[in-house]
Amino acid sequence: MYAIEATGVVKNYGTFSAVKGISFKVKKNEIFGLIGPNAAGKTTTLRLLSTLLQLTKGSVSIFGHDLTQEASSIRKIISYLPEDAGAYKNLTGWEYLYFIAHFFGKGKKVDAIVAKGQQIAGLNDRIHTKVDTYSKGMIRRLLVGRALMVEPKLAILDEPTSGLDVRNAQEIRAIIKQSVRKGATVLLSSHNMLEVEFLCDRIALMDKGRLVESGFPLQLKKKYDASNIEDVFTQVVT
């Protein structure tokens, strides 16, 4: 069983087709990168897999659950971090994590989930100050903590290190890798090609709603005689 099996996935908005029949598979316990230029259809694909949008056509299975028929079961085993996600600004970071944790447990389990979120976010004493005092990078750390603290079977991360400086981005990447070692599967999208190459076991490249290339980073660099994934990206898209 694959973590994700997507077959002929189509998403239309009226007469506009944002995703045009893409198919791909994600293995368990791997980090799979979905990359491409702006308006390629990446975010739409992530939202489809997160059950936030309905398929126009095609099929998706997530850990054996059909996306259309078993959306509620899928929501119990995934966590989604959108690129434009925000947190409740009138709450402290700790209160926000505590609020979210109540959707996943009760009593001591809530406390354990919140403790995990605090550890991942790494905000130290600032976790007890209001979110509206946080920098963009601090909010992102809090949101990554929120996404991974529940130890999802599948974490869907859209630009997970957006707004972070180099040091904080490195720490978040290490946390993502650690979550995979503990049994998670990660599907991520990023415009940072260095990040993609560092993190991902395999990648798929989208352009204009279609999947135009996929494979292992080393395999793709060899195929396109490129020194890095950014060069592969440039060659495929142009």
C-alpha atoms as a PDB file:
ATOM      1  CA  MET A   1       0.000   0.000   0.000  1.00  0.00           C
ATOM      2  CA  TYR A   2       1.230   3.470  -0.922  1.00  0.00           C
ATOM      3  CA  ALA A   3       0.769   6.537   1.255  1.00  0.00           C
ATOM      4  CA  ILE A   4      -0.730   8.351  -1.745  1.00  0.00           C
ATOM      5  CA  GLU A   5      -1.971   6.988  -5.068  1.00  0.00           C
ATOM      6  CA  ALA A   6      -3.266   9.723  -7.361  1.00  0.00           C
ATOM      7  CA  THR A   7      -4.650   8.710 -10.764  1.00  0.00           C
ATOM      8  CA  GLY A   8      -5.850  11.052 -13.498  1.00  0.00           C
ATOM      9  CA  VAL A   9      -6.522  13.903 -11.072  1.00  0.00           C
ATOM     10  CA  VAL A  10      -8.405  16.825 -12.604  1.00  0.00           C
ATOM     11  CA  LYS A  11      -9.598  20.016 -10.929  1.00  0.00           C
ATOM     12  CA  ASN A  12     -11.622  22.524 -12.918  1.00  0.00           C
ATOM     13  CA  TYR A  13     -12.915  25.923 -11.888  1.00  0.00           C
ATOM     14  CA  GLY A  14     -15.638  26.521 -14.432  1.00  0.00           C
ATOM     15  CA  THR A  15     -13.925  26.458 -17.815  1.00  0.00           C
ATOM     16  CA  PHE A  16     -10.432  26.810 -16.298  1.00  0.00           C
ATOM     17  CA  SER A  17      -8.509  23.617 -15.618  1.00  0.00           C
ATOM     18  CA  ALA A  18      -6.019  24.074 -12.745  1.00  0.00           C
ATOM     19  CA  VAL A  19      -4.939  20.414 -12.619  1.00  0.00           C
ATOM     20  CA  LYS A  20      -5.004  18.423 -15.846  1.00  0.00           C
ATOM     21  CA  GLY A  21      -5.022  14.697 -15.219  1.00  0.00           C
ATOM     22  CA  ILE A  22      -1.917  14.148 -13.092  1.00  0.00           C
ATOM     23  CA  SER A  23      -0.916  10.759 -11.668  1.00  0.00           C
ATOM     24  CA  PHE A  24       1.735   9.962  -9.073  1.00  0.00           C
ATOM     25  CA  LYS A  25       2.451   7.714  -6.101  1.00  0.00           C
ATOM     26  CA  VAL A  26       4.083   8.511  -2.770  1.00  0.00           C
ATOM     27  CA  LYS A  27       5.675   5.705  -0.790  1.00  0.00           C
ATOM     28  CA  LYS A  28       5.309   5.349   2.956  1.00  0.00           C
ATOM     29  CA  ASN A  29       7.964   7.093   5.043  1.00  0.00           C
ATOM     30  CA  GLU A  30       9.370   9.200   2.243  1.00  0.00           C
ATOM     31  CA  ILE A  31       9.549  12.927   1.620  1.00  0.00           C
ATOM     32  CA  PHE A  32       8.014  13.656  -1.762  1.00  0.00           C
ATOM     33  CA  GLY A  33       8.431  17.109  -3.279  1.00  0.00           C
ATOM     34  CA  LEU A  34       5.885  18.693  -5.613  1.00  0.00           C
ATOM     35  CA  ILE A  35       7.574  21.636  -7.323  1.00  0.00           C
ATOM     36  CA  GLY A  36       6.947  24.009 -10.178  1.00  0.00           C
ATOM     37  CA  PRO A  37       6.530  27.684 -11.104  1.00  0.00           C
ATOM     38  CA  ASN A  38       3.705  29.892  -9.882  1.00  0.00           C
ATOM     39  CA  ALA A  39       0.254  28.848 -11.163  1.00  0.00           C
ATOM     40  CA  ALA A  40       1.517  25.335 -11.932  1.00  0.00           C
ATOM     41  CA  GLY A  41      -1.280  23.716  -9.907  1.00  0.00           C
ATOM     42  CA  LYS A  42       0.782  22.646  -6.894  1.00  0.00           C
ATOM     43  CA  THR A  43      -1.287  24.336  -4.197  1.00  0.00           C
ATOM     44  CA  THR A  44      -4.531  23.162  -5.798  1.00  0.00           C
ATOM     45  CA  THR A  45      -3.183  19.609  -5.724  1.00  0.00           C
ATOM     46  CA  LEU A  46      -2.224  19.896  -2.055  1.00  0.00           C
ATOM     47  CA  ARG A  47      -5.671  21.260  -1.205  1.00  0.00           C
ATOM     48  CA  LEU A  48      -7.314  18.388  -3.055  1.00  0.00           C
ATOM     49  CA  LEU A  49      -5.278  15.841  -1.122  1.00  0.00           C
ATOM     50  CA  SER A  50      -6.090  17.671   2.122  1.00  0.00           C
ATOM     51  CA  THR A  51      -9.840  17.230   1.424  1.00  0.00           C
ATOM     52  CA  LEU A  52     -10.352  21.002   1.190  1.00  0.00           C
ATOM     53  CA  LEU A  53     -11.333  20.799  -2.487  1.00  0.00           C
ATOM     54  CA  GLN A  54     -13.358  18.222  -4.378  1.00  0.00           C
ATOM     55  CA  LEU A  55     -12.013  16.340  -7.355  1.00  0.00           C
ATOM     56  CA  THR A  56     -13.503  17.135 -10.728  1.00  0.00           C
ATOM     57  CA  LYS A  57     -12.260  13.843 -12.112  1.00  0.00           C
ATOM     58  CA  GLY A  58      -9.851  11.049 -11.224  1.00  0.00           C
ATOM     59  CA  SER A  59      -9.170   9.177  -8.004  1.00  0.00           C
ATOM     60  CA  VAL A  60      -6.940   9.478  -4.942  1.00  0.00           C
ATOM     61  CA  SER A  61      -6.219   6.926  -2.236  1.00  0.00           C
ATOM     62  CA  ILE A  62      -4.466   7.989   0.988  1.00  0.00           C
ATOM     63  CA  PHE A  63      -3.276   5.042   3.081  1.00  0.00           C
ATOM     64  CA  GLY A  64      -6.018   2.973   1.477  1.00  0.00           C
ATOM     65  CA  HIS A  65      -8.798   5.516   2.072  1.00  0.00           C
ATOM     66  CA  ASP A  66     -10.664   6.851  -0.948  1.00  0.00           C
ATOM     67  CA  LEU A  67     -10.486  10.651  -1.040  1.00  0.00           C
ATOM     68  CA  THR A  68     -14.050  11.088  -2.259  1.00  0.00           C
ATOM     69  CA  GLN A  69     -15.766   8.435  -0.144  1.00  0.00           C
ATOM     70  CA  GLU A  70     -13.695   8.524   3.068  1.00  0.00           C
ATOM     71  CA  ALA A  71     -12.668  12.164   3.516  1.00  0.00           C
ATOM     72  CA  SER A  72     -13.475  12.117   7.254  1.00  0.00           C
ATOM     73  CA  SER A  73     -11.168   9.130   7.812  1.00  0.00           C
ATOM     74  CA  ILE A  74      -8.390  10.854   5.877  1.00  0.00           C
ATOM     75  CA  ARG A  75      -8.664  14.004   7.983  1.00  0.00           C
ATOM     76  CA  LYS A  76      -7.853  11.942  11.079  1.00  0.00           C
ATOM     77  CA  ILE A  77      -4.474  10.829   9.738  1.00  0.00           C
ATOM     78  CA  ILE A  78      -3.199  13.910   7.893  1.00  0.00           C
ATOM     79  CA  SER A  79      -2.028  17.381   8.798  1.00  0.00           C
ATOM     80  CA  TYR A  80      -1.972  20.270   6.331  1.00  0.00           C
ATOM     81  CA  LEU A  81       0.103  23.439   6.547  1.00  0.00           C
ATOM     82  CA  PRO A  82      -0.909  25.958   3.851  1.00  0.00           C
ATOM     83  CA  GLU A  83       1.571  28.539   2.608  1.00  0.00           C
ATOM     84  CA  ASP A  84      -0.718  31.365   3.711  1.00  0.00           C
ATOM     85  CA  ALA A  85      -1.734  29.849   7.064  1.00  0.00           C
ATOM     86  CA  GLY A  86      -2.164  32.087  10.088  1.00  0.00           C
ATOM     87  CA  ALA A  87      -2.757  31.647  13.809  1.00  0.00           C
ATOM     88  CA  TYR A  88      -5.253  33.314  16.127  1.00  0.00           C
ATOM     89  CA  LYS A  89      -3.519  36.572  17.017  1.00  0.00           C
ATOM     90  CA  ASN A  90      -5.453  37.172  20.229  1.00  0.00           C
ATOM     91  CA  LEU A  91      -4.089  33.926  21.721  1.00  0.00           C
ATOM     92  CA  THR A  92      -0.627  33.179  23.042  1.00  0.00           C
ATOM     93  CA  GLY A  93       1.364  30.582  21.154  1.00  0.00           C
ATOM     94  CA  TRP A  94       0.740  28.080  23.948  1.00  0.00           C
ATOM     95  CA  GLU A  95      -3.011  28.776  23.951  1.00  0.00           C
ATOM     96  CA  TYR A  96      -3.120  28.273  20.189  1.00  0.00           C
ATOM     97  CA  LEU A  97      -1.389  24.889  20.397  1.00  0.00           C
ATOM     98  CA  TYR A  98      -3.644  23.898  23.320  1.00  0.00           C
ATOM     99  CA  PHE A  99      -6.743  24.860  21.330  1.00  0.00           C
ATOM    100  CA  ILE A 100      -5.677  22.794  18.308  1.00  0.00           C
ATOM    101  CA  ALA A 101      -4.605  19.829  20.473  1.00  0.00           C
ATOM    102  CA  HIS A 102      -8.173  19.453  21.790  1.00  0.00           C
ATOM    103  CA  PHE A 103      -9.248  18.297  18.342  1.00  0.00           C
ATOM    104  CA  PHE A 104      -6.899  15.321  18.630  1.00  0.00           C
ATOM    105  CA  GLY A 105      -7.084  14.180  22.240  1.00  0.00           C
ATOM    106  CA  LYS A 106      -8.226  14.629  25.819  1.00  0.00           C
ATOM    107  CA  GLY A 107      -6.583  15.014  29.224  1.00  0.00           C
ATOM    108  CA  LYS A 108      -2.957  13.931  29.406  1.00  0.00           C
ATOM    109  CA  LYS A 109      -2.847  13.293  25.658  1.00  0.00           C
ATOM    110  CA  VAL A 110      -3.592  16.983  25.041  1.00  0.00           C
ATOM    111  CA  ASP A 111      -0.743  17.968  27.364  1.00  0.00           C
ATOM    112  CA  ALA A 112       1.634  15.619  25.521  1.00  0.00           C
ATOM    113  CA  ILE A 113       0.585  16.998  22.127  1.00  0.00           C
ATOM    114  CA  VAL A 114       1.092  20.596  23.285  1.00  0.00           C
ATOM    115  CA  ALA A 115       4.496  19.739  24.761  1.00  0.00           C
ATOM    116  CA  LYS A 116       5.493  18.246  21.403  1.00  0.00           C
ATOM    117  CA  GLY A 117       4.291  21.379  19.602  1.00  0.00           C
ATOM    118  CA  GLN A 118       6.293  23.622  21.940  1.00  0.00           C
ATOM    119  CA  GLN A 119       9.405  21.545  21.337  1.00  0.00           C
ATOM    120  CA  ILE A 120       9.029  21.717  17.571  1.00  0.00           C
ATOM    121  CA  ALA A 121       8.222  25.445  17.514  1.00  0.00           C
ATOM    122  CA  GLY A 122      11.251  26.249  19.681  1.00  0.00           C
ATOM    123  CA  LEU A 123       9.890  29.625  20.789  1.00  0.00           C
ATOM    124  CA  ASN A 124      11.010  29.215  24.411  1.00  0.00           C
ATOM    125  CA  ASP A 125       9.446  31.868  26.689  1.00  0.00           C
ATOM    126  CA  ARG A 126       7.803  33.607  23.731  1.00  0.00           C
ATOM    127  CA  ILE A 127       5.341  30.721  23.517  1.00  0.00           C
ATOM    128  CA  HIS A 128       3.495  32.491  26.363  1.00  0.00           C
ATOM    129  CA  THR A 129       3.165  35.832  24.567  1.00  0.00           C
ATOM    130  CA  LYS A 130       0.447  36.738  22.090  1.00  0.00           C
ATOM    131  CA  VAL A 131       0.765  35.700  18.472  1.00  0.00           C
ATOM    132  CA  ASP A 132       0.192  39.299  17.315  1.00  0.00           C
ATOM    133  CA  THR A 133       3.626  40.140  18.759  1.00  0.00           C
ATOM    134  CA  TYR A 134       5.368  37.445  16.676  1.00  0.00           C
ATOM    135  CA  SER A 135       7.498  37.982  13.610  1.00  0.00           C
ATOM    136  CA  LYS A 136       6.571  36.146  10.397  1.00  0.00           C
ATOM    137  CA  GLY A 137       9.271  33.580  11.103  1.00  0.00           C
ATOM    138  CA  MET A 138       8.011  32.957  14.636  1.00  0.00           C
ATOM    139  CA  ILE A 139       4.465  32.420  13.367  1.00  0.00           C
ATOM    140  CA  ARG A 140       5.775  29.945  10.814  1.00  0.00           C
ATOM    141  CA  ARG A 141       7.611  28.009  13.524  1.00  0.00           C
ATOM    142  CA  LEU A 142       4.425  27.901  15.583  1.00  0.00           C
ATOM    143  CA  LEU A 143       2.463  26.624  12.588  1.00  0.00           C
ATOM    144  CA  VAL A 144       5.020  23.929  11.794  1.00  0.00           C
ATOM    145  CA  GLY A 145       4.761  22.888  15.442  1.00  0.00           C
ATOM    146  CA  ARG A 146       0.990  22.737  15.080  1.00  0.00           C
ATOM    147  CA  ALA A 147       1.210  20.642  11.917  1.00  0.00           C
ATOM    148  CA  LEU A 148       3.663  18.057  13.249  1.00  0.00           C
ATOM    149  CA  MET A 149       2.780  17.862  16.956  1.00  0.00           C
ATOM    150  CA  VAL A 150      -0.087  15.431  16.263  1.00  0.00           C
ATOM    151  CA  GLU A 151       2.340  12.999  14.593  1.00  0.00           C
ATOM    152  CA  PRO A 152       0.259  12.603  11.410  1.00  0.00           C
ATOM    153  CA  LYS A 153       0.694   9.630   9.109  1.00  0.00           C
ATOM    154  CA  LEU A 154       0.835  12.138   6.241  1.00  0.00           C
ATOM    155  CA  ALA A 155       2.037  15.726   6.640  1.00  0.00           C
ATOM    156  CA  ILE A 156       1.205  17.992   3.701  1.00  0.00           C
ATOM    157  CA  LEU A 157       3.438  21.056   3.897  1.00  0.00           C
ATOM    158  CA  ASP A 158       3.197  24.017   1.520  1.00  0.00           C
ATOM    159  CA  GLU A 159       6.368  26.150   1.771  1.00  0.00           C
ATOM    160  CA  PRO A 160       7.210  24.881   5.297  1.00  0.00           C
ATOM    161  CA  THR A 161      10.144  27.263   5.821  1.00  0.00           C
ATOM    162  CA  SER A 162       8.589  30.368   4.265  1.00  0.00           C
ATOM    163  CA  GLY A 163       9.753  33.495   6.098  1.00  0.00           C
ATOM    164  CA  LEU A 164      12.448  31.740   8.132  1.00  0.00           C
ATOM    165  CA  ASP A 165      16.099  32.730   8.232  1.00  0.00           C
ATOM    166  CA  VAL A 166      18.774  30.188   7.332  1.00  0.00           C
ATOM    167  CA  ARG A 167      19.275  28.884  10.869  1.00  0.00           C
ATOM    168  CA  ASN A 168      15.568  28.456  11.611  1.00  0.00           C
ATOM    169  CA  ALA A 169      14.959  26.886   8.199  1.00  0.00           C
ATOM    170  CA  GLN A 170      17.684  24.325   8.858  1.00  0.00           C
ATOM    171  CA  GLU A 171      16.087  23.451  12.205  1.00  0.00           C
ATOM    172  CA  ILE A 172      12.662  22.972  10.618  1.00  0.00           C
ATOM    173  CA  ARG A 173      14.127  20.745   7.906  1.00  0.00           C
ATOM    174  CA  ALA A 174      15.779  18.626  10.595  1.00  0.00           C
ATOM    175  CA  ILE A 175      12.424  18.344  12.387  1.00  0.00           C
ATOM    176  CA  ILE A 176      10.716  17.239   9.171  1.00  0.00           C
ATOM    177  CA  LYS A 177      13.356  14.554   8.625  1.00  0.00           C
ATOM    178  CA  GLN A 178      12.992  13.433  12.229  1.00  0.00           C
ATOM    179  CA  SER A 179       9.219  13.081  11.819  1.00  0.00           C
ATOM    180  CA  VAL A 180       9.827  10.763   8.853  1.00  0.00           C
ATOM    181  CA  ARG A 181      12.244   8.651  10.892  1.00  0.00           C
ATOM    182  CA  LYS A 182       9.433   8.268  13.422  1.00  0.00           C
ATOM    183  CA  GLY A 183       7.044   6.951  10.785  1.00  0.00           C
ATOM    184  CA  ALA A 184       5.501   9.935   9.018  1.00  0.00           C
ATOM    185  CA  THR A 185       5.222  10.493   5.284  1.00  0.00           C
ATOM    186  CA  VAL A 186       5.678  14.042   3.975  1.00  0.00           C
ATOM    187  CA  LEU A 187       4.374  15.679   0.821  1.00  0.00           C
ATOM    188  CA  LEU A 188       5.792  19.160   0.445  1.00  0.00           C
ATOM    189  CA  SER A 189       5.948  22.016  -1.985  1.00  0.00           C
ATOM    190  CA  SER A 190       8.681  24.630  -1.975  1.00  0.00           C
ATOM    191  CA  HIS A 191      10.148  27.278  -4.252  1.00  0.00           C
ATOM    192  CA  ASN A 192      13.488  26.761  -2.508  1.00  0.00           C
ATOM    193  CA  MET A 193      15.263  24.277  -4.776  1.00  0.00           C
ATOM    194  CA  LEU A 194      18.114  23.823  -2.291  1.00  0.00           C
ATOM    195  CA  GLU A 195      15.520  22.809   0.280  1.00  0.00           C
ATOM    196  CA  VAL A 196      13.889  20.394  -2.142  1.00  0.00           C
ATOM    197  CA  GLU A 197      17.192  18.771  -3.003  1.00  0.00           C
ATOM    198  CA  PHE A 198      18.208  18.532   0.665  1.00  0.00           C
ATOM    199  CA  LEU A 199      14.918  17.128   1.933  1.00  0.00           C
ATOM    200  CA  CYS A 200      13.187  15.109  -0.761  1.00  0.00           C
ATOM    201  CA  ASP A 201      13.652  11.451  -1.578  1.00  0.00           C
ATOM    202  CA  ARG A 202      11.771  11.937  -4.855  1.00  0.00           C
ATOM    203  CA  ILE A 203      10.271  14.919  -6.651  1.00  0.00           C
ATOM    204  CA  ALA A 204       7.612  15.643  -9.249  1.00  0.00           C
ATOM    205  CA  LEU A 205       7.632  18.822 -11.297  1.00  0.00           C
ATOM    206  CA  MET A 206       4.374  20.457 -12.391  1.00  0.00           C
ATOM    207  CA  ASP A 207       3.851  23.100 -15.052  1.00  0.00           C
ATOM    208  CA  LYS A 208       0.553  24.554 -16.286  1.00  0.00           C
ATOM    209  CA  GLY A 209      -1.475  21.931 -14.448  1.00  0.00           C
ATOM    210  CA  ARG A 210       0.440  18.938 -15.743  1.00  0.00           C
ATOM    211  CA  LEU A 211       3.082  16.711 -14.223  1.00  0.00           C
ATOM    212  CA  VAL A 212       6.008  17.097 -16.612  1.00  0.00           C
ATOM    213  CA  GLU A 213       8.837  15.262 -14.859  1.00  0.00           C
ATOM    214  CA  SER A 214       9.490  13.080 -11.811  1.00  0.00           C
ATOM    215  CA  GLY A 215      12.182  10.956 -10.250  1.00  0.00           C
ATOM    216  CA  PHE A 216      15.015  10.854  -7.744  1.00  0.00           C
ATOM    217  CA  PRO A 217      17.014  14.108  -7.483  1.00  0.00           C
ATOM    218  CA  LEU A 218      20.281  12.400  -8.482  1.00  0.00           C
ATOM    219  CA  GLN A 219      18.566  10.665 -11.392  1.00  0.00           C
ATOM    220  CA  LEU A 220      17.101  13.941 -12.675  1.00  0.00           C
ATOM    221  CA  LYS A 221      20.401  15.822 -12.361  1.00  0.00           C
ATOM    222  CA  LYS A 222      22.081  13.108 -14.408  1.00  0.00           C
ATOM    223  CA  LYS A 223      19.315  13.092 -17.036  1.00  0.00           C
ATOM    224  CA  TYR A 224      19.545  16.847 -17.605  1.00  0.00           C
ATOM    225  CA  ASP A 225      23.312  17.102 -17.064  1.00  0.00           C
ATOM    226  CA  ALA A 226      22.601  19.565 -14.251  1.00  0.00           C
ATOM    227  CA  SER A 227      24.612  20.342 -11.136  1.00  0.00           C
ATOM    228  CA  ASN A 228      21.535  20.951  -8.999  1.00  0.00           C
ATOM    229  CA  ILE A 229      17.737  20.685  -8.992  1.00  0.00           C
ATOM    230  CA  GLU A 230      17.358  24.381  -9.751  1.00  0.00           C
ATOM    231  CA  ASP A 231      19.039  23.788 -13.110  1.00  0.00           C
ATOM    232  CA  VAL A 232      16.747  20.818 -13.752  1.00  0.00           C
ATOM    233  CA  PHE A 233      13.750  22.986 -12.897  1.00  0.00           C
ATOM    234  CA  THR A 234      14.881  25.715 -15.305  1.00  0.00           C
ATOM    235  CA  GLN A 235      15.440  23.285 -18.173  1.00  0.00           C
ATOM    236  CA  VAL A 236      12.128  21.452 -17.741  1.00  0.00           C
ATOM    237  CA  VAL A 237       9.978  24.570 -17.377  1.00  0.00           C
ATOM    238  CA  THR A 238      11.554  26.483 -20.253  1.00  0.00           C
END
